[in-house]
Amino acid sequence: MNVPNDSGVPAARIRVLNDAPMRGDGDYVLYWMTAFRRRGYNFALQRAAERSAELGKAIVVLEGLRCGYPWASDRLHAFVLQGMEENRRAFGRAGIKYVPFVEMSPRGGKGLLEILSERACCVVADDSPAFFLPRMLCSASERLNVMVEGVDSNGLLPLREAPGAFPTAHAFRRFLQKTLIPHLLAFPAADPFLGKPVLPLAEIPKEVPERWPEPARNMLSGTAAALASLPIDHAVAPVALVGGEKAARQVLRTFIGERLSRYDEDRNRTDVEGTSGLSPYLHFGHISAHEVFEAVARNEGWSIEHVPQRATGSRTGWWGMGPQAEGFLDQLVTWRELGFNAALRLPRYECYESLPGWALNTLQKHTSDHRPKAYSLQEIEEARTHDPLWNAAQRQLVREGRLHNYLRMLWGKKILEWSPSPPDALAVMTHLNNKYALDGRDPNSTSGIFWCLGRYDRAWGPQRPIFGTVRYMSSENTARKLRVGDYLRRYAN
C-alpha cells in the first residue's frame, strides 16, 4: 500500500468542546477513552501523544465501563473487559499510566473524571456520535475546568466534512468519491508513541486509587464469578468471541487470507462463513476502519494513484481494486459511515419519525391492516413463531450475538409484519438487536434496522398489506435464494 501518512492529527477531526483553558502547569495530559478502545490507529490517542510531546508532560489514560448503560449484560461487559485487560498490558509495556475503572454500582464512577482532570493540562476525549456517548461528552465538558478536545477517529471520512444527512447510499457514495481522497493521505499512526519522547510515568492523585481501586485481574478477564458481582443482566451470556485489539487483528488476518477472495459470492450464504466478522470489534473500537482498509489495500497491492478522479456513485470501480475488495469496502466505508453520518446529521436518527416521508406515509396508510400473524415481544424473543427460518435467525442472535448477514433483513421485515404497528416493530427490533448483538447500539446496525422500514431505500410496487410500498421480503423467497438446510438444522432449537 502506498499512502503517505501525515504526522499530525488533521484539524477536521479535532473539536474544542468548552471554554476552559489549557494548563501548562498541569502534571499530565489526560486521555479519556470511551469509544476508540485501542492503542493503534487511534487519532484521539495520537492527539494526546502530540499534546504530551508539546507540553513535555506524560499521559494518563482513563478507560471506564459503566454498569448502568442500556442493555448492560454479561455478554457486552465481557467483551469490553477483555479489551481493557489487553489495554492494561499494552499501556504498561509502553510506560503509560493506565487507569481502568469498572463500576460496581450505578454512578459509582461519579467524580473520577473530575478529580483526574484537576491536575491535567488538558483532556483529550473520543468524539463519537453513537449511543449515549455524545450526551456524556457534552455534560462532562461543561463540568470540567480545563480544556477538553474531542477527537474523531470513527472512520475514513471526518464526520463533520459531510454537510448534512444523505437519503441513499448512492448519494453518500458519490459524495465520498468526490471528497475522500485527501483524507486518505492522513492516516492515524499505527503506534502513536513512535518517535515521541519517553517521559516518566505520570502520578495520579492519591484519592483516585483510594476511592476507585483498580479492578481485580479476574474482573478485567471477564470471568463468570467477576461478572456475577455486577448489577447487569446475567441472562445474556458471553459468547465464544473474545474482545480486544489482538483478537480483532486475528479476525482481520483470517478474513483477508481465507474469505476476501470470495466475499461477494459468500457473504450472503448460510452454509459458509463469508463475512469479515469484524463488526463487534469496529463497534467497540477494538480495531480501526483505517487499519482494516490498510490491510485490504496492502493485500491488493493498491496505491492512491489507482483511484480514478471521476465520481459516479458506483458501488465498484472507483477504488481501483479488485471487485471482491471493492464489495467489502462498500460495506466498511459507504454503509458503515453512512450510519455515522445519520447519527450526527439526521435529527433524532433513532426515532421512528426520522424515516423518509414516503416511508412514513405508506406505513401510516397500512397501520390498520389485518395482521394474519401477530406475536408478543416474548414470543418473538424466544423464537416461538410459525416461521422456522426466522426462528433460526433469532436463535443465532440470542446464542452467538450476531445475525446472519442476509437474514438480518428478513428478520426485521417479518417483525414489521407481525407487530401491531410500525413504531412497535421498530421498538422490538431495536430492543432485540441492542440486547443480544455484539454490534448492537451502533449507527451501522441502526441503519440496518431502519432500512427494514424504508430508510436508504425507495418505494417498491405493488402496494402490499402492512408494508405499503416498503420493500417486502418473505421466508419462502429467501429459502429459494439461499441454501438454508444446514442453517435450519444448526439453529433448529
Protein backbone atom coordinates (compact mmCIF):
# COMPACT_ATOMS: atom_id res chain seq x y z
CA MET A 1 0.00 0.00 0.00
CA ASN A 2 1.33 3.42 -0.92
CA VAL A 3 -0.41 6.02 1.25
CA PRO A 4 1.69 8.87 2.64
CA ASN A 5 0.82 9.47 6.30
CA ASP A 6 0.54 12.94 7.75
CA SER A 7 2.42 13.18 11.04
CA GLY A 8 -0.30 15.17 12.79
CA VAL A 9 -3.98 14.70 13.60
CA PRO A 10 -5.98 16.61 10.96
CA ALA A 11 -7.73 19.74 12.21
CA ALA A 12 -11.00 18.45 10.70
CA ARG A 13 -11.01 15.72 13.36
CA ILE A 14 -10.50 17.97 16.40
CA ARG A 15 -13.12 19.99 18.30
CA VAL A 16 -12.55 22.15 21.36
CA LEU A 17 -15.58 21.35 23.50
CA ASN A 18 -15.50 24.02 26.21
CA ASP A 19 -14.12 27.45 27.02
CA ALA A 20 -11.75 26.35 29.76
CA PRO A 21 -8.02 26.99 29.32
CA MET A 22 -5.09 24.71 28.68
CA ARG A 23 -3.00 24.48 31.88
CA GLY A 24 0.70 24.39 31.13
CA ASP A 25 1.49 23.79 34.81
CA GLY A 26 -0.59 20.61 34.95
CA ASP A 27 1.00 17.25 35.71
CA TYR A 28 -0.17 15.22 32.69
CA VAL A 29 -2.31 15.02 29.58
CA LEU A 30 -5.47 13.03 30.32
CA TYR A 31 -6.89 10.83 27.57
CA TRP A 32 -10.48 9.76 28.26
CA MET A 33 -11.03 6.56 26.26
CA THR A 34 -14.72 5.77 25.71
CA ALA A 35 -15.28 4.78 22.06
CA PHE A 36 -11.90 4.03 20.49
CA ARG A 37 -10.76 1.37 22.92
CA ARG A 38 -7.45 0.59 21.25
CA ARG A 39 -3.83 1.66 21.22
CA GLY A 40 -3.12 1.67 17.48
CA TYR A 41 -4.63 3.64 14.60
CA ASN A 42 -6.38 5.94 17.06
CA PHE A 43 -6.47 9.65 16.22
CA ALA A 44 -7.62 10.53 19.75
CA LEU A 45 -4.71 8.77 21.46
CA GLN A 46 -2.41 10.22 18.82
CA ARG A 47 -3.66 13.72 19.69
CA ALA A 48 -2.95 13.04 23.37
CA ALA A 49 0.57 11.92 22.40
CA GLU A 50 1.03 15.15 20.41
CA ARG A 51 -0.06 17.24 23.38
CA SER A 52 2.23 15.22 25.62
CA ALA A 53 5.26 15.90 23.41
CA GLU A 54 4.33 19.57 23.02
CA LEU A 55 3.98 20.16 26.77
CA GLY A 56 6.64 17.74 27.98
CA LYS A 57 4.04 16.01 30.15
CA ALA A 58 3.24 12.32 30.50
CA ILE A 59 -0.08 10.78 29.52
CA VAL A 60 -2.73 9.27 31.75
CA VAL A 61 -5.30 7.03 30.02
CA LEU A 62 -8.69 6.64 31.72
CA GLU A 63 -10.86 3.82 30.40
CA GLY A 64 -14.06 3.13 32.27
CA LEU A 65 -17.01 0.80 31.99
CA ARG A 66 -20.35 1.80 33.44
CA CYS A 67 -22.84 -0.72 34.75
CA GLY A 68 -25.93 1.41 34.16
CA TYR A 69 -25.84 1.77 30.39
CA PRO A 70 -28.91 0.48 28.49
CA TRP A 71 -28.84 -3.28 27.86
CA ALA A 72 -25.77 -3.79 30.07
CA SER A 73 -25.14 -7.54 30.26
CA ASP A 74 -22.54 -10.23 30.84
CA ARG A 75 -22.17 -10.54 27.06
CA LEU A 76 -21.33 -6.90 26.41
CA HIS A 77 -19.33 -6.42 29.59
CA ALA A 78 -17.15 -9.48 28.99
CA PHE A 79 -16.22 -8.32 25.50
CA VAL A 80 -15.25 -4.83 26.69
CA LEU A 81 -13.42 -6.13 29.77
CA GLN A 82 -11.28 -8.45 27.67
CA GLY A 83 -10.19 -5.42 25.65
CA MET A 84 -9.45 -3.50 28.86
CA GLU A 85 -7.18 -6.27 30.12
CA GLU A 86 -5.25 -6.13 26.86
CA ASN A 87 -5.01 -2.34 27.12
CA ARG A 88 -3.71 -2.65 30.67
CA ARG A 89 -0.83 -4.81 29.46
CA ALA A 90 -0.13 -2.73 26.35
CA PHE A 91 -0.02 0.63 28.12
CA GLY A 92 2.08 -0.91 30.88
CA ARG A 93 4.67 -2.04 28.33
CA ALA A 94 4.65 1.45 26.79
CA GLY A 95 5.26 3.18 30.13
CA ILE A 96 1.86 4.92 30.06
CA LYS A 97 -0.21 5.30 33.21
CA TYR A 98 -3.45 3.42 32.58
CA VAL A 99 -6.44 3.86 34.89
CA PRO A 100 -9.10 1.19 34.29
CA PHE A 101 -12.34 1.58 36.18
CA VAL A 102 -15.29 -0.81 36.33
CA GLU A 103 -18.42 0.41 38.09
CA MET A 104 -19.63 -1.98 40.77
CA SER A 105 -22.82 0.01 41.34
CA PRO A 106 -24.72 2.63 39.30
CA ARG A 107 -22.97 6.04 39.32
CA GLY A 108 -20.06 4.52 41.21
CA GLY A 109 -17.65 6.38 38.94
CA LYS A 110 -19.13 9.80 39.67
CA GLY A 111 -16.33 12.29 40.30
CA LEU A 112 -13.47 10.20 38.90
CA LEU A 113 -13.06 12.17 35.69
CA GLU A 114 -13.28 15.49 37.56
CA ILE A 115 -10.56 14.57 40.05
CA LEU A 116 -8.21 13.29 37.35
CA SER A 117 -8.82 16.45 35.30
CA GLU A 118 -7.92 18.77 38.20
CA ARG A 119 -4.24 18.04 37.66
CA ALA A 120 -4.41 17.68 33.88
CA CYS A 121 -3.01 20.13 31.34
CA CYS A 122 -5.92 19.23 29.08
CA VAL A 123 -8.33 16.40 28.44
CA VAL A 124 -8.45 14.61 25.08
CA ALA A 125 -11.64 12.62 24.58
CA ASP A 126 -13.15 10.28 22.00
CA ASP A 127 -15.71 12.12 19.85
CA SER A 128 -18.32 9.59 18.72
CA PRO A 129 -21.93 10.28 17.68
CA ALA A 130 -23.22 6.93 18.90
CA PHE A 131 -25.46 5.76 21.75
CA PHE A 132 -25.22 7.83 24.97
CA LEU A 133 -21.65 8.98 24.28
CA PRO A 134 -22.44 12.46 22.81
CA ARG A 135 -24.56 13.42 25.83
CA MET A 136 -21.93 12.12 28.24
CA LEU A 137 -19.13 14.01 26.50
CA CYS A 138 -21.13 17.26 26.33
CA SER A 139 -22.07 17.07 30.01
CA ALA A 140 -18.52 16.32 31.12
CA SER A 141 -17.02 19.12 29.01
CA GLU A 142 -19.34 21.63 30.63
CA ARG A 143 -18.32 20.50 34.13
CA LEU A 144 -14.55 20.37 33.71
CA ASN A 145 -12.44 23.46 34.32
CA VAL A 146 -9.72 22.50 31.86
CA MET A 147 -9.75 22.47 28.06
CA VAL A 148 -11.40 19.40 26.53
CA GLU A 149 -10.65 18.38 22.96
CA GLY A 150 -12.89 15.85 21.24
CA VAL A 151 -11.20 13.84 18.50
CA ASP A 152 -12.97 11.94 15.73
CA SER A 153 -11.44 8.54 14.91
CA ASN A 154 -14.69 6.96 13.69
CA GLY A 155 -13.97 6.32 10.02
CA LEU A 156 -12.05 7.27 6.88
CA LEU A 157 -14.07 10.45 6.38
CA PRO A 158 -14.02 13.02 9.20
CA LEU A 159 -17.62 13.15 10.38
CA ARG A 160 -18.09 16.88 10.06
CA GLU A 161 -16.83 17.03 6.47
CA ALA A 162 -20.29 15.90 5.35
CA PRO A 163 -22.60 18.95 5.41
CA GLY A 164 -25.83 17.04 6.08
CA ALA A 165 -27.60 13.70 6.09
CA PHE A 166 -27.86 11.65 2.91
CA PRO A 167 -31.06 9.93 1.72
CA THR A 168 -29.40 6.97 -0.03
CA ALA A 169 -26.17 5.00 -0.08
CA HIS A 170 -25.67 6.06 -3.70
CA ALA A 171 -25.79 9.75 -2.79
CA PHE A 172 -23.36 9.27 0.09
CA ARG A 173 -21.06 7.08 -2.02
CA ARG A 174 -20.88 9.78 -4.68
CA PHE A 175 -20.05 12.38 -2.02
CA LEU A 176 -17.30 10.11 -0.68
CA GLN A 177 -15.84 9.68 -4.13
CA LYS A 178 -15.67 13.46 -4.53
CA THR A 179 -14.16 14.22 -1.13
CA LEU A 180 -12.36 11.21 0.35
CA ILE A 181 -9.00 11.22 -1.47
CA PRO A 182 -7.35 13.99 0.61
CA HIS A 183 -8.37 12.19 3.80
CA LEU A 184 -6.66 9.02 2.62
CA LEU A 185 -3.41 10.98 2.87
CA ALA A 186 -3.81 11.45 6.63
CA PHE A 187 -3.94 8.08 8.33
CA PRO A 188 -3.64 7.63 12.10
CA ALA A 189 -0.33 6.28 13.34
CA ALA A 190 -0.06 2.53 13.86
CA ASP A 191 1.92 3.40 17.02
CA PRO A 192 1.09 6.89 18.33
CA PHE A 193 4.12 6.89 20.64
CA LEU A 194 6.71 6.05 17.99
CA GLY A 195 9.27 8.86 17.82
CA LYS A 196 7.82 10.63 20.86
CA PRO A 197 9.99 11.31 23.94
CA VAL A 198 9.85 8.75 26.74
CA LEU A 199 8.61 10.52 29.86
CA PRO A 200 8.45 9.33 33.49
CA LEU A 201 5.26 7.53 34.45
CA ALA A 202 2.62 10.05 35.47
CA GLU A 203 1.48 10.20 39.08
CA ILE A 204 -2.24 10.49 39.65
CA PRO A 205 -3.96 11.95 42.73
CA LYS A 206 -3.80 9.58 45.72
CA GLU A 207 -7.53 9.94 46.12
CA VAL A 208 -8.12 8.04 42.87
CA PRO A 209 -6.88 4.56 43.89
CA GLU A 210 -8.39 5.03 47.34
CA ARG A 211 -11.90 5.83 46.11
CA TRP A 212 -11.81 3.96 42.80
CA PRO A 213 -9.46 1.00 43.23
CA GLU A 214 -8.18 -0.76 40.13
CA PRO A 215 -10.34 -3.75 39.25
CA ALA A 216 -9.01 -7.20 40.09
CA ARG A 217 -7.45 -9.28 37.33
CA ASN A 218 -10.40 -11.68 37.24
CA MET A 219 -12.69 -8.70 36.60
CA LEU A 220 -10.69 -7.46 33.61
CA SER A 221 -10.59 -11.01 32.29
CA GLY A 222 -14.40 -11.06 32.41
CA THR A 223 -14.66 -14.27 34.42
CA ALA A 224 -18.11 -15.60 35.31
CA ALA A 225 -17.51 -15.02 39.03
CA ALA A 226 -16.50 -11.40 38.45
CA LEU A 227 -19.44 -10.68 36.16
CA ALA A 228 -21.82 -12.21 38.72
CA SER A 229 -20.87 -9.47 41.20
CA LEU A 230 -22.08 -6.68 38.87
CA PRO A 231 -25.64 -5.29 38.67
CA ILE A 232 -26.10 -6.15 34.98
CA ASP A 233 -28.24 -8.61 33.01
CA HIS A 234 -26.78 -12.07 33.66
CA ALA A 235 -29.31 -13.81 31.42
CA VAL A 236 -27.49 -12.62 28.29
CA ALA A 237 -24.40 -14.79 28.49
CA PRO A 238 -20.98 -14.09 26.97
CA VAL A 239 -20.21 -15.69 23.61
CA ALA A 240 -17.10 -17.51 22.42
CA LEU A 241 -15.82 -14.44 20.57
CA VAL A 242 -13.04 -12.71 22.54
CA GLY A 243 -12.73 -8.94 22.68
CA GLY A 244 -9.62 -6.79 22.28
CA GLU A 245 -7.21 -5.44 19.70
CA LYS A 246 -5.20 -8.66 19.36
CA ALA A 247 -8.29 -10.78 18.69
CA ALA A 248 -9.57 -8.17 16.21
CA ARG A 249 -6.36 -8.35 14.21
CA GLN A 250 -6.52 -12.12 14.10
CA VAL A 251 -10.08 -11.95 12.74
CA LEU A 252 -8.87 -9.44 10.13
CA ARG A 253 -5.98 -11.69 9.05
CA THR A 254 -8.30 -14.68 8.76
CA PHE A 255 -10.77 -12.72 6.66
CA ILE A 256 -8.16 -11.42 4.23
CA GLY A 257 -6.35 -14.73 4.00
CA GLU A 258 -9.36 -17.03 3.70
CA ARG A 259 -12.55 -15.16 2.74
CA LEU A 260 -11.88 -11.89 0.95
CA SER A 261 -11.24 -13.56 -2.41
CA ARG A 262 -14.86 -14.83 -2.44
CA TYR A 263 -16.52 -12.05 -0.48
CA ASP A 264 -19.27 -11.15 -2.96
CA GLU A 265 -20.15 -14.78 -3.62
CA ASP A 266 -20.11 -15.94 0.01
CA ARG A 267 -21.20 -13.04 2.23
CA ASN A 268 -24.90 -13.91 1.95
CA ARG A 269 -24.56 -17.70 2.07
CA THR A 270 -25.77 -19.55 5.15
CA ASP A 271 -23.67 -22.69 4.55
CA VAL A 272 -20.24 -20.98 4.74
CA GLU A 273 -18.75 -18.19 6.82
CA GLY A 274 -18.31 -15.45 4.23
CA THR A 275 -18.35 -12.14 6.13
CA SER A 276 -15.44 -10.38 7.79
CA GLY A 277 -16.63 -10.91 11.39
CA LEU A 278 -15.21 -7.50 12.28
CA SER A 279 -18.37 -5.60 13.21
CA PRO A 280 -18.18 -6.20 17.01
CA TYR A 281 -14.56 -5.04 17.04
CA LEU A 282 -15.34 -1.96 14.99
CA HIS A 283 -18.30 -1.20 17.25
CA PHE A 284 -16.32 -1.34 20.49
CA GLY A 285 -13.33 0.44 18.97
CA HIS A 286 -11.01 -2.55 19.28
CA ILE A 287 -9.95 -2.05 15.66
CA SER A 288 -9.98 0.97 13.37
CA ALA A 289 -11.58 1.22 9.94
CA HIS A 290 -8.26 2.74 8.87
CA GLU A 291 -6.34 -0.38 9.90
CA VAL A 292 -8.84 -2.63 8.14
CA PHE A 293 -8.66 -0.51 4.98
CA GLU A 294 -4.86 -0.50 5.08
CA ALA A 295 -4.73 -4.30 5.37
CA VAL A 296 -7.11 -4.76 2.42
CA ALA A 297 -5.21 -2.21 0.32
CA ARG A 298 -1.91 -3.90 1.08
CA ASN A 299 -3.35 -7.26 0.10
CA GLU A 300 -4.49 -5.72 -3.20
CA GLY A 301 -1.13 -4.07 -3.92
CA TRP A 302 -3.03 -0.79 -4.06
CA SER A 303 -1.77 2.78 -4.10
CA ILE A 304 -3.75 6.00 -4.10
CA GLU A 305 -2.76 6.67 -7.70
CA HIS A 306 -5.10 3.82 -8.67
CA VAL A 307 -8.17 5.86 -7.72
CA PRO A 308 -9.86 7.47 -10.74
CA GLN A 309 -10.85 11.09 -10.40
CA ARG A 310 -14.43 10.70 -11.63
CA ALA A 311 -17.14 10.25 -9.01
CA THR A 312 -20.01 8.14 -10.32
CA GLY A 313 -21.53 6.78 -7.12
CA SER A 314 -20.99 3.27 -8.47
CA ARG A 315 -20.52 0.50 -5.91
CA THR A 316 -17.41 -0.83 -7.68
CA GLY A 317 -14.74 0.58 -9.96
CA TRP A 318 -13.83 3.71 -8.02
CA TRP A 319 -11.21 2.35 -5.65
CA GLY A 320 -9.09 0.75 -8.34
CA MET A 321 -9.04 -2.59 -6.52
CA GLY A 322 -10.47 -5.99 -7.39
CA PRO A 323 -14.26 -6.45 -7.25
CA GLN A 324 -14.16 -8.56 -4.08
CA ALA A 325 -12.17 -5.94 -2.17
CA GLU A 326 -14.37 -3.15 -3.51
CA GLY A 327 -17.50 -5.01 -2.45
CA PHE A 328 -16.14 -5.28 1.08
CA LEU A 329 -15.02 -1.63 1.16
CA ASP A 330 -18.53 -0.58 0.17
CA GLN A 331 -19.71 -2.16 3.42
CA LEU A 332 -16.80 -0.90 5.54
CA VAL A 333 -16.79 2.66 4.22
CA THR A 334 -20.04 3.55 2.43
CA TRP A 335 -22.62 1.73 4.55
CA ARG A 336 -20.83 1.94 7.90
CA GLU A 337 -20.03 5.64 7.60
CA LEU A 338 -23.49 6.40 6.21
CA GLY A 339 -24.80 5.23 9.58
CA PHE A 340 -22.39 7.51 11.42
CA ASN A 341 -23.43 10.37 9.13
CA ALA A 342 -27.06 9.82 10.18
CA ALA A 343 -26.11 9.66 13.86
CA LEU A 344 -24.51 13.10 13.56
CA ARG A 345 -26.61 14.86 10.94
CA LEU A 346 -30.11 13.31 10.99
CA PRO A 347 -32.18 14.73 13.88
CA ARG A 348 -33.41 12.02 16.26
CA TYR A 349 -32.00 9.37 13.93
CA GLU A 350 -33.06 6.53 16.24
CA CYS A 351 -36.70 7.67 16.33
CA TYR A 352 -39.44 6.38 14.05
CA GLU A 353 -40.23 9.91 12.84
CA SER A 354 -36.77 10.16 11.24
CA LEU A 355 -37.82 7.80 8.43
CA PRO A 356 -38.17 9.40 4.97
CA GLY A 357 -41.54 10.95 4.27
CA TRP A 358 -42.61 8.41 1.63
CA ALA A 359 -41.99 5.54 4.08
CA LEU A 360 -43.87 7.25 6.92
CA ASN A 361 -46.81 7.95 4.61
CA THR A 362 -47.12 4.46 3.18
CA LEU A 363 -46.68 2.72 6.54
CA GLN A 364 -49.26 5.04 8.12
CA LYS A 365 -51.80 4.18 5.40
CA HIS A 366 -51.41 0.48 6.22
CA THR A 367 -51.14 0.65 10.01
CA SER A 368 -54.67 -0.68 10.48
CA ASP A 369 -54.24 -3.55 8.00
CA HIS A 370 -55.08 -7.01 9.29
CA ARG A 371 -52.05 -8.97 10.57
CA PRO A 372 -52.57 -12.67 9.71
CA LYS A 373 -49.97 -13.50 12.35
CA ALA A 374 -49.18 -11.42 15.45
CA TYR A 375 -46.70 -12.20 18.20
CA SER A 376 -45.79 -10.66 21.53
CA LEU A 377 -42.28 -9.46 22.32
CA GLN A 378 -41.75 -12.55 24.48
CA GLU A 379 -42.83 -14.90 21.70
CA ILE A 380 -40.54 -13.15 19.23
CA GLU A 381 -37.61 -13.03 21.64
CA GLU A 382 -37.98 -16.74 22.38
CA ALA A 383 -38.25 -17.59 18.66
CA ARG A 384 -41.76 -19.06 19.06
CA THR A 385 -43.20 -18.11 15.68
CA HIS A 386 -44.61 -20.27 12.89
CA ASP A 387 -41.60 -19.45 10.65
CA PRO A 388 -38.68 -21.92 11.02
CA LEU A 389 -36.18 -19.77 9.09
CA TRP A 390 -36.97 -16.66 11.09
CA ASN A 391 -36.78 -18.64 14.35
CA ALA A 392 -33.34 -19.92 13.34
CA ALA A 393 -32.10 -16.38 12.76
CA GLN A 394 -33.42 -15.24 16.14
CA ARG A 395 -31.78 -18.21 17.88
CA GLN A 396 -28.46 -17.35 16.26
CA LEU A 397 -28.78 -13.79 17.56
CA VAL A 398 -29.51 -14.97 21.10
CA ARG A 399 -26.82 -17.65 21.17
CA GLU A 400 -23.99 -16.04 19.23
CA GLY A 401 -24.60 -12.30 19.47
CA ARG A 402 -24.91 -11.89 15.72
CA LEU A 403 -27.42 -12.11 12.90
CA HIS A 404 -26.63 -13.71 9.55
CA ASN A 405 -25.75 -11.02 7.01
CA TYR A 406 -28.70 -11.59 4.64
CA LEU A 407 -31.18 -12.97 7.13
CA ARG A 408 -31.00 -9.84 9.29
CA MET A 409 -33.06 -8.10 6.59
CA LEU A 410 -35.68 -10.84 6.62
CA TRP A 411 -35.57 -10.78 10.44
CA GLY A 412 -36.58 -7.11 10.51
CA LYS A 413 -39.18 -7.35 7.75
CA LYS A 414 -41.04 -10.18 9.49
CA ILE A 415 -41.08 -8.29 12.79
CA LEU A 416 -42.77 -5.44 10.92
CA GLU A 417 -45.31 -7.91 9.53
CA TRP A 418 -46.08 -9.41 12.98
CA SER A 419 -46.24 -6.20 15.04
CA PRO A 420 -49.34 -4.10 15.83
CA SER A 421 -47.79 -1.03 14.21
CA PRO A 422 -44.52 0.09 12.56
CA PRO A 423 -43.38 2.01 15.68
CA ASP A 424 -43.97 -1.16 17.71
CA ALA A 425 -41.89 -3.11 15.19
CA LEU A 426 -39.06 -0.59 15.48
CA ALA A 427 -39.12 -0.88 19.27
CA VAL A 428 -38.91 -4.69 19.10
CA MET A 429 -36.09 -4.69 16.54
CA THR A 430 -34.11 -2.12 18.50
CA HIS A 431 -34.54 -3.94 21.79
CA LEU A 432 -33.56 -7.37 20.49
CA ASN A 433 -30.64 -6.07 18.43
CA ASN A 434 -29.24 -3.95 21.24
CA LYS A 435 -29.78 -6.60 23.89
CA TYR A 436 -28.20 -9.55 22.10
CA ALA A 437 -25.97 -8.37 19.25
CA LEU A 438 -22.34 -7.56 19.96
CA ASP A 439 -22.57 -4.89 17.28
CA GLY A 440 -25.87 -3.50 18.55
CA ARG A 441 -26.21 0.09 19.82
CA ASP A 442 -24.13 1.13 16.80
CA PRO A 443 -25.03 3.58 14.00
CA ASN A 444 -24.35 0.85 11.45
CA SER A 445 -26.73 -1.67 12.99
CA THR A 446 -29.28 1.13 13.49
CA SER A 447 -29.08 1.75 9.74
CA GLY A 448 -29.87 -1.91 9.13
CA ILE A 449 -32.94 -1.76 11.35
CA PHE A 450 -34.25 1.42 9.73
CA TRP A 451 -33.56 0.03 6.24
CA CYS A 452 -36.21 -2.59 7.00
CA LEU A 453 -38.66 0.31 7.34
CA GLY A 454 -37.55 2.25 4.25
CA ARG A 455 -34.52 4.35 5.18
CA TYR A 456 -31.93 4.46 2.37
CA ASP A 457 -34.35 2.56 0.13
CA ARG A 458 -37.06 3.57 -2.36
CA ALA A 459 -40.71 2.76 -2.86
CA TRP A 460 -41.42 -0.67 -4.38
CA GLY A 461 -44.61 -1.71 -6.12
CA PRO A 462 -47.09 -3.16 -5.95
CA GLN A 463 -48.80 -1.97 -2.78
CA ARG A 464 -48.91 -4.75 -0.18
CA PRO A 465 -50.84 -5.11 3.05
CA ILE A 466 -48.93 -3.85 6.10
CA PHE A 467 -45.87 -2.84 4.03
CA GLY A 468 -47.47 -0.48 1.53
CA THR A 469 -44.61 0.31 -0.85
CA VAL A 470 -41.84 -0.51 1.64
CA ARG A 471 -39.75 -3.37 0.23
CA TYR A 472 -41.25 -6.76 1.06
CA MET A 473 -39.35 -9.96 1.86
CA SER A 474 -40.61 -13.46 2.57
CA SER A 475 -39.02 -16.52 4.11
CA GLU A 476 -40.14 -18.61 1.14
CA ASN A 477 -38.32 -16.43 -1.38
CA THR A 478 -35.28 -16.25 0.88
CA ALA A 479 -35.16 -20.04 1.17
CA ARG A 480 -35.28 -20.29 -2.63
CA LYS A 481 -32.33 -17.89 -2.96
CA LEU A 482 -30.14 -19.41 -0.25
CA ARG A 483 -29.16 -22.91 0.80
CA VAL A 484 -30.70 -22.91 4.25
CA GLY A 485 -30.89 -26.61 5.13
CA ASP A 486 -27.74 -26.74 7.24
CA TYR A 487 -28.61 -23.40 8.83
CA LEU A 488 -32.06 -24.62 9.84
CA ARG A 489 -30.60 -27.75 11.37
CA ARG A 490 -27.90 -25.82 13.22
CA TYR A 491 -30.39 -23.48 14.90
CA ALA A 492 -33.39 -25.82 14.99
CA ASN A 493 -33.98 -25.44 18.73
